[in-house]
Structures are given as C-alpha cells and as structure tokens.
Amino acid sequence: MDEEIEQLTELKQRFPYMFSGPHIGLDIYRGWLSDFINACEAIDALLAEDKRGFHWKQTKAKYGFARYYFDTDAVRTLRLSFSDGKGVYEVTKGLDGHDIEQRINKICNDAEQASMTKCIVCGGSAEIKSYGSWAVCACEKHSPDVPGNHLKSAVLR
C-alpha cells in the first residue's frame, strides 16, 4: 500500500462519521490530500462532541480544483457553480442561520482555494490550464500534455 492510500485509510478510521452516510462519490486526489486531511481535522475540532450528522456528500475535482460538498442533519446545501471561461462563479444556498455549517463551508472553501495552485498528482506548484473543455491543475511533469497516465493515478478511493 502506498503512503497516500495509508493516509486516507487512517483518516477514514479517525473520522468514520465523515465518510458514512449517503454520498454520490468520494474522490480524493493525491496532490490535495494534505489539505483535505487538514480540513477534516479542522471540521472535527469545530464539531467537537456534537457531530451534527456531518458527512461528505461528494468530493471531486471540478473546473480544475478540489470541490468538497457536505451535509449535516440541519443543512442540505445547494451549491451552484458555473464558468464562463474567465472564472468560476458560485452561489451557495441553505447556510443562513447555521453558524457551524457556515464555518465548515469556510474550511472547505479554504481547502478548495489551496488546490488551485497545487498539482492534483504530486501537490507541487501548479496552475489550472484548459485542455479542450477540460480544466486541470497539474505541474509540468504531470500535465496532460506529457505522455503517461499521470492523472489516473492521482485519484484515491
């Protein structure tokens, strides 16, 4: 087993409640794993003893960076995102009056922002580039332009 898979396995053992419950896909990427671990630790510390039914609803890459969606017993957020090719625009609904969930959302947004400058494969310095209709944040070594299957090896499950 490689180091990142071991880290993800340990994370799921430390915080099993975060990974149980209904979800539509939990893709975690090697290059962004350390920020995701930090986000999970921060969320767990914020929740303390009352886990509020928190769980990841979906984790994925979209528009070239990490995207973390969650639910709690009190909140089922609606997050609409779109890109015009110049930027990504978002509207999040369902957090009004829910201080803890707003703070969780901020933790998630901070981790997502960090992924915008880190390679999805290795975590090295990178920038988001478009490849046709697909955007990816990858360093020169792991760019889709480089022969090999680098991006498939980035996802951890």
Protein backbone atom coordinates (compact mmCIF):
# COMPACT_ATOMS: atom_id res chain seq x y z
CA MET A 1 0.00 0.00 0.00
CA ASP A 2 1.39 3.43 -0.85
CA GLU A 3 1.74 6.35 1.56
CA GLU A 4 -1.27 8.37 0.36
CA ILE A 5 -3.59 5.37 0.47
CA GLU A 6 -2.38 4.66 4.01
CA GLN A 7 -3.02 8.29 4.99
CA LEU A 8 -6.54 8.19 3.53
CA THR A 9 -7.27 4.87 5.25
CA GLU A 10 -6.10 6.31 8.57
CA LEU A 11 -8.22 9.43 8.02
CA LYS A 12 -11.32 7.30 7.42
CA GLN A 13 -10.56 5.33 10.60
CA ARG A 14 -10.09 8.52 12.65
CA PHE A 15 -13.27 10.15 11.37
CA PRO A 16 -15.58 7.37 10.17
CA TYR A 17 -18.68 9.55 10.54
CA MET A 18 -17.38 11.86 7.81
CA PHE A 19 -17.32 9.04 5.26
CA SER A 20 -20.57 7.28 6.17
CA GLY A 21 -24.00 8.33 5.07
CA PRO A 22 -25.34 8.88 1.59
CA HIS A 23 -22.91 10.24 -0.97
CA ILE A 24 -22.59 10.50 -4.72
CA GLY A 25 -18.84 9.94 -4.95
CA LEU A 26 -15.81 10.50 -2.76
CA ASP A 27 -12.80 11.05 -4.99
CA ILE A 28 -9.75 12.29 -3.08
CA TYR A 29 -6.65 13.30 -5.00
CA ARG A 30 -3.04 12.61 -4.02
CA GLY A 31 -1.79 16.14 -4.56
CA TRP A 32 -4.56 17.66 -2.48
CA LEU A 33 -4.67 15.03 0.27
CA SER A 34 -2.77 17.01 2.91
CA ASP A 35 -5.17 19.96 2.62
CA PHE A 36 -8.15 17.59 2.75
CA ILE A 37 -6.74 15.96 5.90
CA ASN A 38 -6.28 19.42 7.46
CA ALA A 39 -9.87 20.30 6.55
CA CYS A 40 -11.20 17.09 8.14
CA GLU A 41 -9.21 17.76 11.32
CA ALA A 42 -10.46 21.36 11.49
CA ILE A 43 -14.07 20.28 10.95
CA ASP A 44 -13.80 17.59 13.62
CA ALA A 45 -12.35 20.11 16.09
CA LEU A 46 -15.14 22.56 15.27
CA LEU A 47 -17.86 19.93 15.71
CA ALA A 48 -16.34 18.64 18.98
CA GLU A 49 -18.73 16.13 20.58
CA ASP A 50 -21.80 17.06 18.52
CA LYS A 51 -21.07 15.72 15.04
CA ARG A 52 -24.44 17.06 13.79
CA GLY A 53 -24.74 14.22 11.27
CA PHE A 54 -21.88 15.69 9.26
CA HIS A 55 -20.72 13.63 6.29
CA TRP A 56 -19.16 14.24 2.92
CA LYS A 57 -21.81 14.23 0.22
CA GLN A 58 -19.29 14.47 -2.63
CA THR A 59 -15.59 15.16 -3.10
CA LYS A 60 -14.22 15.65 -6.59
CA ALA A 61 -12.27 17.84 -8.98
CA LYS A 62 -14.27 20.37 -10.98
CA TYR A 63 -13.06 23.34 -13.03
CA GLY A 64 -9.52 22.18 -12.26
CA PHE A 65 -9.65 22.33 -8.48
CA ALA A 66 -10.95 20.40 -5.48
CA ARG A 67 -14.64 20.54 -4.60
CA TYR A 68 -15.93 19.44 -1.21
CA TYR A 69 -19.67 19.07 -0.59
CA PHE A 70 -21.15 18.11 2.77
CA ASP A 71 -24.44 17.59 4.57
CA THR A 72 -25.44 17.77 8.22
CA ASP A 73 -28.67 16.93 10.00
CA ALA A 74 -29.65 20.61 9.85
CA VAL A 75 -28.37 21.58 6.41
CA ARG A 76 -28.59 20.29 2.87
CA THR A 77 -26.83 23.00 0.94
CA LEU A 78 -27.41 23.83 -2.67
CA ARG A 79 -24.24 24.96 -4.39
CA LEU A 80 -24.47 26.22 -7.95
CA SER A 81 -21.26 26.76 -9.90
CA PHE A 82 -20.67 27.89 -13.44
CA SER A 83 -17.75 29.03 -15.53
CA ASP A 84 -17.67 31.49 -18.38
CA GLY A 85 -14.12 30.54 -19.34
CA LYS A 86 -12.71 33.52 -17.45
CA GLY A 87 -13.62 32.48 -13.94
CA VAL A 88 -15.81 30.29 -11.76
CA TYR A 89 -18.88 31.83 -10.14
CA GLU A 90 -20.81 30.31 -7.27
CA VAL A 91 -23.93 30.69 -5.26
CA THR A 92 -24.46 28.63 -2.10
CA LYS A 93 -27.91 28.44 -0.54
CA GLY A 94 -29.10 26.84 2.68
CA LEU A 95 -26.50 28.09 5.17
CA ASP A 96 -28.32 31.16 6.53
CA GLY A 97 -28.76 30.95 10.29
CA HIS A 98 -26.42 27.95 10.60
CA ASP A 99 -23.19 29.28 12.10
CA ILE A 100 -21.37 25.93 12.46
CA GLU A 101 -22.20 24.91 8.89
CA GLN A 102 -21.08 28.34 7.62
CA ARG A 103 -17.75 27.80 9.37
CA ILE A 104 -17.47 24.29 7.89
CA ASN A 105 -18.17 25.80 4.47
CA LYS A 106 -15.32 28.29 5.02
CA ILE A 107 -12.92 25.44 5.92
CA CYS A 108 -13.95 23.64 2.72
CA ASN A 109 -13.58 26.79 0.62
CA ASP A 110 -10.10 27.42 2.02
CA ALA A 111 -9.01 23.87 1.10
CA GLU A 112 -10.51 24.28 -2.36
CA GLN A 113 -8.69 27.58 -2.86
CA ALA A 114 -5.39 25.94 -1.85
CA SER A 115 -5.89 23.26 -4.53
CA MET A 116 -5.96 25.92 -7.25
CA THR A 117 -2.17 26.22 -7.10
CA LYS A 118 -1.22 22.60 -6.34
CA CYS A 119 -0.71 19.74 -8.74
CA ILE A 120 -3.54 17.21 -8.49
CA VAL A 121 -0.96 14.39 -8.70
CA CYS A 122 2.02 15.46 -6.56
CA GLY A 123 0.96 18.62 -4.69
CA GLY A 124 3.76 20.64 -6.28
CA SER A 125 3.34 24.16 -7.57
CA ALA A 126 0.92 24.26 -10.49
CA GLU A 127 -1.72 26.31 -12.22
CA ILE A 128 -5.07 25.48 -13.74
CA LYS A 129 -4.97 25.11 -17.50
CA SER A 130 -7.63 24.21 -20.03
CA TYR A 131 -7.28 21.19 -22.28
CA GLY A 132 -10.19 21.47 -24.66
CA SER A 133 -13.29 21.51 -22.48
CA TRP A 134 -11.41 20.05 -19.51
CA ALA A 135 -9.51 22.03 -16.84
CA VAL A 136 -6.80 20.53 -14.66
CA CYS A 137 -4.31 21.85 -12.12
CA ALA A 138 -1.10 19.96 -12.83
CA CYS A 139 2.59 20.72 -12.73
CA GLU A 140 4.70 20.46 -15.88
CA LYS A 141 5.72 16.89 -15.01
CA HIS A 142 2.10 15.70 -14.66
CA SER A 143 0.48 17.82 -17.36
CA PRO A 144 -1.95 16.03 -19.68
CA ASP A 145 0.47 17.07 -22.46
CA VAL A 146 3.13 14.73 -21.02
CA PRO A 147 2.85 11.10 -22.17
CA GLY A 148 1.77 8.67 -19.49
CA ASN A 149 -1.22 8.03 -17.32
CA HIS A 150 -0.40 10.52 -14.54
CA LEU A 151 -3.88 11.83 -13.87
CA LYS A 152 -5.50 8.39 -13.44
CA SER A 153 -3.02 7.65 -10.66
CA ALA A 154 -4.00 10.86 -8.84
CA VAL A 155 -7.36 9.64 -7.54
CA LEU A 156 -7.53 7.75 -4.25
CA ARG A 157 -10.56 5.73 -3.24
